[in-house]
Amino acid sequence: MLATFENATLTLRLQQLEVTEILGSHVPILLNFDDNLAVIEMSIVTRPFVLDFAGAYLDQAPEFSEEVLSDWRAEKEEQFGSRWSDAESILRQLESFGIHMIDVNPGNISFPD
């Protein structure tokens, strides 16, 4: 699977930490990259998974107003439904690795059911 180069640094961080899954969800492994072409190749993962770190920040969370964060949380609660607390746990684990994933949806955090 080829992905955009923005994923490379975050995926490399997980690889350096030897993270292949987060709370039971598979994480793609960086297989190859090309600086000149600005692409990376990652392994394919099956459900449950965590992927697509293009909208994430490394080592420093972006600053948003409390109103924006409240709206974001409400949107994510609606998108994930009863699995939102599970998705939040995955986000907290990513933050412990210095990865702040903002663009999160059921397409990039998937559960087995």
Protein backbone atom coordinates (compact mmCIF):
# COMPACT_ATOMS: atom_id res chain seq x y z
CA MET A 1 0.00 0.00 0.00
CA LEU A 2 1.46 3.39 -0.97
CA ALA A 3 0.62 6.38 1.19
CA THR A 4 1.51 10.04 1.29
CA PHE A 5 4.89 11.04 2.68
CA GLU A 6 3.32 12.87 5.65
CA ASN A 7 2.66 9.46 7.22
CA ALA A 8 6.36 8.50 7.12
CA THR A 9 7.61 10.33 10.21
CA LEU A 10 4.73 9.18 12.39
CA THR A 11 4.86 5.62 11.10
CA LEU A 12 8.62 5.60 11.63
CA ARG A 13 8.10 6.73 15.23
CA LEU A 14 5.80 3.76 15.85
CA GLN A 15 8.27 1.44 14.15
CA GLN A 16 11.16 2.72 16.28
CA LEU A 17 9.05 2.05 19.37
CA GLU A 18 8.27 -1.43 17.95
CA VAL A 19 4.52 -0.70 18.00
CA THR A 20 2.63 -3.10 15.77
CA GLU A 21 -0.71 -2.77 17.53
CA ILE A 22 -2.43 -0.36 19.86
CA LEU A 23 -4.92 -1.78 22.33
CA GLY A 24 -5.51 -4.75 20.04
CA SER A 25 -5.72 -2.70 16.82
CA HIS A 26 -3.16 -3.37 14.08
CA VAL A 27 -0.82 -0.57 12.98
CA PRO A 28 0.77 -0.58 9.50
CA ILE A 29 4.53 -1.08 9.32
CA LEU A 30 6.73 1.18 7.24
CA LEU A 31 8.21 -0.98 4.46
CA ASN A 32 9.93 1.56 2.25
CA PHE A 33 10.02 5.26 1.40
CA ASP A 34 11.39 7.58 -1.23
CA ASP A 35 12.25 11.16 -0.31
CA ASN A 36 12.44 12.24 -3.96
CA LEU A 37 8.99 10.91 -4.83
CA ALA A 38 7.56 11.87 -1.40
CA VAL A 39 5.84 8.49 -0.97
CA ILE A 40 6.01 5.66 1.52
CA GLU A 41 5.05 2.01 1.32
CA MET A 42 3.30 0.50 4.31
CA SER A 43 2.07 -2.97 5.12
CA ILE A 44 -1.60 -3.79 4.71
CA VAL A 45 -3.50 -4.35 7.94
CA THR A 46 -6.77 -6.07 8.73
CA ARG A 47 -9.48 -5.15 11.22
CA PRO A 48 -9.19 -3.95 13.85
CA PHE A 49 -6.73 -1.25 12.75
CA VAL A 50 -5.37 2.24 13.30
CA LEU A 51 -4.01 3.99 10.21
CA ASP A 52 -3.72 7.19 8.20
CA PHE A 53 -1.58 9.52 10.28
CA ALA A 54 -1.50 12.30 7.67
CA GLY A 55 -3.68 14.54 9.86
CA ALA A 56 -1.63 13.93 13.00
CA TYR A 57 0.91 16.07 14.82
CA LEU A 58 4.20 14.87 16.26
CA ASP A 59 5.25 15.74 19.82
CA GLN A 60 3.01 18.79 20.20
CA ALA A 61 -0.77 18.88 20.07
CA PRO A 62 -2.31 21.72 18.09
CA GLU A 63 -4.10 24.35 20.12
CA PHE A 64 -7.85 24.73 19.66
CA SER A 65 -10.42 26.73 21.59
CA GLU A 66 -12.61 24.85 24.04
CA GLU A 67 -15.58 25.49 21.73
CA VAL A 68 -13.81 23.86 18.77
CA LEU A 69 -12.76 20.89 20.93
CA SER A 70 -16.29 20.49 22.23
CA ASP A 71 -17.70 20.46 18.70
CA TRP A 72 -14.99 17.98 17.63
CA ARG A 73 -15.81 15.64 20.52
CA ALA A 74 -19.53 15.79 19.74
CA GLU A 75 -18.84 14.95 16.08
CA LYS A 76 -16.60 12.02 17.04
CA GLU A 77 -19.13 10.68 19.55
CA GLU A 78 -21.71 10.70 16.78
CA GLN A 79 -19.36 9.03 14.27
CA PHE A 80 -18.14 6.28 16.61
CA GLY A 81 -21.29 5.80 18.68
CA SER A 82 -20.78 3.30 21.50
CA ARG A 83 -17.15 2.73 20.37
CA TRP A 84 -16.10 6.34 21.04
CA SER A 85 -14.58 5.49 24.44
CA ASP A 86 -12.51 2.75 22.74
CA ALA A 87 -11.37 5.20 20.06
CA GLU A 88 -10.47 7.73 22.77
CA SER A 89 -8.34 5.08 24.52
CA ILE A 90 -6.45 4.50 21.27
CA LEU A 91 -5.94 8.25 20.85
CA ARG A 92 -4.57 8.50 24.42
CA GLN A 93 -2.16 5.64 23.70
CA LEU A 94 -0.98 7.39 20.52
CA GLU A 95 -0.44 10.56 22.56
CA SER A 96 1.80 8.59 24.93
CA PHE A 97 4.01 8.00 21.85
CA GLY A 98 3.94 11.72 21.00
CA ILE A 99 1.40 11.33 18.20
CA HIS A 100 -1.65 13.60 18.31
CA MET A 101 -4.21 12.28 15.83
CA ILE A 102 -6.82 14.91 15.01
CA ASP A 103 -8.34 13.65 11.75
CA VAL A 104 -9.89 10.55 13.28
CA ASN A 105 -12.93 8.71 11.94
CA PRO A 106 -14.26 5.13 11.67
CA GLY A 107 -12.28 4.77 8.44
CA ASN A 108 -8.92 5.09 10.20
CA ILE A 109 -9.76 3.57 13.57
CA SER A 110 -11.67 0.39 12.92
CA PHE A 111 -12.99 -2.21 15.33
CA PRO A 112 -13.67 -5.90 14.76
CA ASP A 113 -17.46 -5.60 14.85
